[in-house]
Amino acid sequence: MLAEGTIGIQENGKMVACHYKMKYFDEPSRFGIEGGRISKLTIRREGEFTCNYDRGWDLEPEDEATRTAVALLMKEYN
């Protein structure tokens, strides 16, 4: 399945928009993040990629807001 959206994260007193696109499975997979269901994930902030996972980390989360967005997505979908 595919999902796309925006997560607002509070950072230094202002709201930061983390735009994500991801692919996830019905069941956990060895290709998923930490063996979970998310097999592909990209997050962008202000047009710049801040993380990319495609069956492995190509670009690990670069900042606290992106790490928070990844954690929220993993809690919901992984």
C-alpha atoms as a PDB file:
ATOM      1  CA  MET A   1       0.000   0.000   0.000  1.00  0.00           C
ATOM      2  CA  LEU A   2       1.039   3.595  -0.552  1.00  0.00           C
ATOM      3  CA  ALA A   3       0.619   6.579   1.742  1.00  0.00           C
ATOM      4  CA  GLU A   4       1.465  10.252   1.382  1.00  0.00           C
ATOM      5  CA  GLY A   5       0.935  13.229   3.629  1.00  0.00           C
ATOM      6  CA  THR A   6       2.369  15.937   5.835  1.00  0.00           C
ATOM      7  CA  ILE A   7       3.224  15.806   9.514  1.00  0.00           C
ATOM      8  CA  GLY A   8       3.589  19.042  11.467  1.00  0.00           C
ATOM      9  CA  ILE A   9       6.401  18.918  14.020  1.00  0.00           C
ATOM     10  CA  GLN A  10       7.097  21.612  16.618  1.00  0.00           C
ATOM     11  CA  GLU A  11      10.751  22.707  16.380  1.00  0.00           C
ATOM     12  CA  ASN A  12      12.310  25.667  18.216  1.00  0.00           C
ATOM     13  CA  GLY A  13       8.920  27.268  18.810  1.00  0.00           C
ATOM     14  CA  LYS A  14       7.686  26.997  15.218  1.00  0.00           C
ATOM     15  CA  MET A  15       5.831  24.395  13.189  1.00  0.00           C
ATOM     16  CA  VAL A  16       7.860  22.453  10.618  1.00  0.00           C
ATOM     17  CA  ALA A  17       6.149  20.557   7.777  1.00  0.00           C
ATOM     18  CA  CYS A  18       7.580  17.100   7.020  1.00  0.00           C
ATOM     19  CA  HIS A  19       6.136  15.779   3.747  1.00  0.00           C
ATOM     20  CA  TYR A  20       6.305  12.006   3.407  1.00  0.00           C
ATOM     21  CA  LYS A  21       5.699   9.307   0.823  1.00  0.00           C
ATOM     22  CA  MET A  22       5.916   5.662   1.750  1.00  0.00           C
ATOM     23  CA  LYS A  23       5.148   2.112   0.736  1.00  0.00           C
ATOM     24  CA  TYR A  24       4.159  -0.429   3.369  1.00  0.00           C
ATOM     25  CA  PHE A  25       3.071  -4.045   3.458  1.00  0.00           C
ATOM     26  CA  ASP A  26       0.236  -5.817   5.280  1.00  0.00           C
ATOM     27  CA  GLU A  27       2.767  -7.961   7.171  1.00  0.00           C
ATOM     28  CA  PRO A  28       6.277  -7.282   8.533  1.00  0.00           C
ATOM     29  CA  SER A  29       9.136  -7.929   6.106  1.00  0.00           C
ATOM     30  CA  ARG A  30      12.893  -8.293   6.297  1.00  0.00           C
ATOM     31  CA  PHE A  31      12.977  -5.345   3.879  1.00  0.00           C
ATOM     32  CA  GLY A  32      11.009  -3.089   6.250  1.00  0.00           C
ATOM     33  CA  ILE A  33      12.443  -0.543   8.661  1.00  0.00           C
ATOM     34  CA  GLU A  34      13.612  -2.599  11.659  1.00  0.00           C
ATOM     35  CA  GLY A  35      11.922  -5.659  10.107  1.00  0.00           C
ATOM     36  CA  GLY A  36       8.550  -3.928  10.048  1.00  0.00           C
ATOM     37  CA  ARG A  37       6.004  -3.102   7.363  1.00  0.00           C
ATOM     38  CA  ILE A  38       7.458   0.145   5.923  1.00  0.00           C
ATOM     39  CA  SER A  39       9.654  -0.785   2.938  1.00  0.00           C
ATOM     40  CA  LYS A  40      10.058   2.653   1.338  1.00  0.00           C
ATOM     41  CA  LEU A  41       9.958   6.085   2.947  1.00  0.00           C
ATOM     42  CA  THR A  42      11.018   9.563   1.869  1.00  0.00           C
ATOM     43  CA  ILE A  43      10.648  12.727   3.913  1.00  0.00           C
ATOM     44  CA  ARG A  44      11.201  16.247   2.617  1.00  0.00           C
ATOM     45  CA  ARG A  45      11.419  19.571   4.438  1.00  0.00           C
ATOM     46  CA  GLU A  46      11.270  22.799   2.475  1.00  0.00           C
ATOM     47  CA  GLY A  47      11.819  20.826  -0.745  1.00  0.00           C
ATOM     48  CA  GLU A  48      14.971  19.066   0.499  1.00  0.00           C
ATOM     49  CA  PHE A  49      15.172  15.338   1.208  1.00  0.00           C
ATOM     50  CA  THR A  50      15.903  14.767   4.892  1.00  0.00           C
ATOM     51  CA  CYS A  51      15.628  10.962   4.842  1.00  0.00           C
ATOM     52  CA  ASN A  52      15.206   8.131   2.367  1.00  0.00           C
ATOM     53  CA  TYR A  53      14.641   4.439   3.048  1.00  0.00           C
ATOM     54  CA  ASP A  54      14.357   1.954   0.172  1.00  0.00           C
ATOM     55  CA  ARG A  55      14.780  -1.518   1.685  1.00  0.00           C
ATOM     56  CA  GLY A  56      17.689   0.052   3.569  1.00  0.00           C
ATOM     57  CA  TRP A  57      18.762   3.563   4.607  1.00  0.00           C
ATOM     58  CA  ASP A  58      20.061   5.601   1.668  1.00  0.00           C
ATOM     59  CA  LEU A  59      19.805   8.784   3.749  1.00  0.00           C
ATOM     60  CA  GLU A  60      19.176   8.414   7.494  1.00  0.00           C
ATOM     61  CA  PRO A  61      17.035  11.082   9.193  1.00  0.00           C
ATOM     62  CA  GLU A  62      19.102  14.284   9.269  1.00  0.00           C
ATOM     63  CA  ASP A  63      17.427  16.314  12.000  1.00  0.00           C
ATOM     64  CA  GLU A  64      15.235  16.036  15.074  1.00  0.00           C
ATOM     65  CA  ALA A  65      11.989  16.944  13.273  1.00  0.00           C
ATOM     66  CA  THR A  66      12.595  14.241  10.650  1.00  0.00           C
ATOM     67  CA  ARG A  67      13.486  11.679  13.336  1.00  0.00           C
ATOM     68  CA  THR A  68      10.243  12.537  15.127  1.00  0.00           C
ATOM     69  CA  ALA A  69       8.242  12.152  11.888  1.00  0.00           C
ATOM     70  CA  VAL A  70       9.861   8.754  11.241  1.00  0.00           C
ATOM     71  CA  ALA A  71       9.046   7.648  14.797  1.00  0.00           C
ATOM     72  CA  LEU A  72       5.398   8.689  14.396  1.00  0.00           C
ATOM     73  CA  LEU A  73       5.084   6.870  11.059  1.00  0.00           C
ATOM     74  CA  MET A  74       6.715   3.757  12.479  1.00  0.00           C
ATOM     75  CA  LYS A  75       4.342   3.777  15.435  1.00  0.00           C
ATOM     76  CA  GLU A  76       1.342   3.962  13.105  1.00  0.00           C
ATOM     77  CA  TYR A  77       2.447   1.782  10.162  1.00  0.00           C
ATOM     78  CA  ASN A  78       5.392  -0.393  11.187  1.00  0.00           C
END
